[in-house]
Amino acid sequence: MDIASHIVGAAAAIGLILHFLGAVATTLRAHSYSTTIYPALYRIPAAATLGPQPAR
């Protein structure tokens, strides 16, 4: 895989994290505290993809 695919993958993961951070902010702003955990849980796999990749 070339460097461009890694850059696109990282950009996609960062976009997902920002999307779900916005979802958490929206639920907090709406005072819907019981549903705040759901968008926060979706952020975990997106953040995990930004971790170190094994070398091939």
N, C-alpha and C. Protein backbone atom coordinates (compact mmCIF):
# COMPACT_ATOMS: atom_id res chain seq x y z
N MET A 1 0.84 -1.18 0.00
CA MET A 1 0.00 0.00 0.00
C MET A 1 0.89 1.24 0.00
N ASP A 2 0.46 2.21 -0.70
CA ASP A 2 1.26 3.42 -0.79
C ASP A 2 0.83 4.43 0.26
N ILE A 3 1.56 5.51 0.32
CA ILE A 3 1.35 6.53 1.35
C ILE A 3 -0.01 7.22 1.18
N ALA A 4 -0.49 7.32 -0.06
CA ALA A 4 -1.77 8.00 -0.30
C ALA A 4 -2.93 7.26 0.37
N SER A 5 -2.89 5.93 0.35
CA SER A 5 -3.97 5.19 0.98
C SER A 5 -3.95 5.36 2.50
N HIS A 6 -2.78 5.50 3.08
CA HIS A 6 -2.68 5.73 4.52
C HIS A 6 -3.20 7.13 4.88
N ILE A 7 -2.92 8.09 4.03
CA ILE A 7 -3.40 9.45 4.27
C ILE A 7 -4.92 9.52 4.17
N VAL A 8 -5.47 8.85 3.16
CA VAL A 8 -6.92 8.83 2.99
C VAL A 8 -7.59 8.11 4.16
N GLY A 9 -7.00 7.02 4.60
CA GLY A 9 -7.55 6.29 5.74
C GLY A 9 -7.53 7.10 7.02
N ALA A 10 -6.44 7.80 7.26
CA ALA A 10 -6.34 8.64 8.45
C ALA A 10 -7.33 9.80 8.37
N ALA A 11 -7.48 10.38 7.19
CA ALA A 11 -8.45 11.47 7.03
C ALA A 11 -9.88 10.98 7.27
N ALA A 12 -10.18 9.77 6.81
CA ALA A 12 -11.52 9.21 7.03
C ALA A 12 -11.76 8.96 8.51
N ALA A 13 -10.76 8.43 9.21
CA ALA A 13 -10.91 8.18 10.64
C ALA A 13 -11.08 9.48 11.42
N ILE A 14 -10.32 10.50 11.06
CA ILE A 14 -10.44 11.80 11.73
C ILE A 14 -11.81 12.40 11.45
N GLY A 15 -12.31 12.24 10.22
CA GLY A 15 -13.65 12.73 9.90
C GLY A 15 -14.72 12.04 10.72
N LEU A 16 -14.60 10.73 10.90
CA LEU A 16 -15.57 10.01 11.72
C LEU A 16 -15.53 10.45 13.18
N ILE A 17 -14.32 10.64 13.68
CA ILE A 17 -14.19 11.09 15.08
C ILE A 17 -14.84 12.45 15.26
N LEU A 18 -14.58 13.36 14.33
CA LEU A 18 -15.19 14.69 14.43
C LEU A 18 -16.71 14.62 14.29
N HIS A 19 -17.19 13.74 13.43
CA HIS A 19 -18.64 13.57 13.26
C HIS A 19 -19.29 13.12 14.57
N PHE A 20 -18.71 12.12 15.20
CA PHE A 20 -19.31 11.61 16.44
C PHE A 20 -19.08 12.55 17.62
N LEU A 21 -18.01 13.34 17.60
CA LEU A 21 -17.86 14.38 18.62
C LEU A 21 -18.97 15.42 18.48
N GLY A 22 -19.32 15.74 17.24
CA GLY A 22 -20.44 16.64 17.01
C GLY A 22 -21.75 16.05 17.48
N ALA A 23 -21.92 14.73 17.29
CA ALA A 23 -23.14 14.08 17.76
C ALA A 23 -23.23 14.12 19.29
N VAL A 24 -22.12 13.91 19.95
CA VAL A 24 -22.11 14.00 21.42
C VAL A 24 -22.43 15.42 21.86
N ALA A 25 -21.84 16.40 21.21
CA ALA A 25 -22.10 17.80 21.56
C ALA A 25 -23.57 18.15 21.36
N THR A 26 -24.15 17.63 20.29
CA THR A 26 -25.56 17.91 20.02
C THR A 26 -26.47 17.29 21.07
N THR A 27 -26.19 16.05 21.47
CA THR A 27 -27.03 15.42 22.49
C THR A 27 -26.86 16.11 23.84
N LEU A 28 -25.65 16.57 24.14
CA LEU A 28 -25.46 17.30 25.40
C LEU A 28 -26.16 18.65 25.36
N ARG A 29 -26.11 19.30 24.20
CA ARG A 29 -26.77 20.60 24.07
C ARG A 29 -28.29 20.46 24.20
N ALA A 30 -28.82 19.33 23.75
CA ALA A 30 -30.26 19.08 23.84
C ALA A 30 -30.66 18.53 25.21
N HIS A 31 -29.70 18.41 26.11
CA HIS A 31 -29.94 17.89 27.46
C HIS A 31 -30.50 16.47 27.43
N SER A 32 -30.06 15.69 26.46
CA SER A 32 -30.47 14.29 26.34
C SER A 32 -29.34 13.42 26.87
N TYR A 33 -29.13 13.47 28.17
CA TYR A 33 -27.98 12.82 28.77
C TYR A 33 -28.06 11.29 28.72
N SER A 34 -29.25 10.74 28.63
CA SER A 34 -29.37 9.28 28.61
C SER A 34 -28.92 8.67 27.29
N THR A 35 -28.89 9.45 26.22
CA THR A 35 -28.47 8.91 24.92
C THR A 35 -27.09 9.38 24.50
N THR A 36 -26.36 10.03 25.37
CA THR A 36 -25.03 10.54 25.03
C THR A 36 -24.03 9.42 24.82
N ILE A 37 -24.21 8.29 25.47
CA ILE A 37 -23.23 7.21 25.39
C ILE A 37 -23.17 6.58 24.01
N TYR A 38 -24.27 6.58 23.26
CA TYR A 38 -24.28 5.88 21.97
C TYR A 38 -23.34 6.49 20.95
N PRO A 39 -23.37 7.79 20.68
CA PRO A 39 -22.36 8.32 19.75
C PRO A 39 -20.95 8.25 20.30
N ALA A 40 -20.81 8.26 21.62
CA ALA A 40 -19.48 8.16 22.20
C ALA A 40 -18.90 6.76 21.97
N LEU A 41 -19.73 5.74 22.01
CA LEU A 41 -19.25 4.38 21.77
C LEU A 41 -18.85 4.17 20.31
N TYR A 42 -19.52 4.83 19.39
CA TYR A 42 -19.17 4.70 17.98
C TYR A 42 -17.82 5.36 17.67
N ARG A 43 -17.38 6.24 18.53
CA ARG A 43 -16.11 6.93 18.33
C ARG A 43 -14.92 6.04 18.62
N ILE A 44 -15.09 5.02 19.44
CA ILE A 44 -13.98 4.16 19.85
C ILE A 44 -13.35 3.41 18.68
N PRO A 45 -14.13 2.71 17.82
CA PRO A 45 -13.48 2.02 16.69
C PRO A 45 -12.81 2.99 15.71
N ALA A 46 -13.40 4.16 15.53
CA ALA A 46 -12.79 5.13 14.63
C ALA A 46 -11.46 5.61 15.19
N ALA A 47 -11.38 5.82 16.50
CA ALA A 47 -10.14 6.24 17.11
C ALA A 47 -9.10 5.12 17.10
N ALA A 48 -9.55 3.88 17.19
CA ALA A 48 -8.62 2.75 17.18
C ALA A 48 -7.93 2.59 15.83
N THR A 49 -8.58 3.02 14.75
CA THR A 49 -7.94 2.90 13.44
C THR A 49 -6.78 3.87 13.26
N LEU A 50 -6.70 4.88 14.10
CA LEU A 50 -5.58 5.82 14.01
C LEU A 50 -4.34 5.32 14.73
N GLY A 51 -4.45 4.19 15.42
CA GLY A 51 -3.33 3.64 16.15
C GLY A 51 -2.23 3.17 15.22
N PRO A 52 -1.13 2.73 15.78
CA PRO A 52 0.00 2.28 14.96
C PRO A 52 -0.38 1.07 14.12
N GLN A 53 0.06 1.09 12.88
CA GLN A 53 -0.21 0.01 11.95
C GLN A 53 1.00 -0.93 11.92
N PRO A 54 0.76 -2.24 11.84
CA PRO A 54 1.90 -3.17 11.75
C PRO A 54 2.62 -3.02 10.42
N ALA A 55 3.92 -3.11 10.47
CA ALA A 55 4.74 -3.00 9.25
C ALA A 55 4.68 -4.32 8.49
N ARG A 56 4.66 -4.22 7.17
CA ARG A 56 4.64 -5.44 6.35
C ARG A 56 5.96 -5.65 5.68
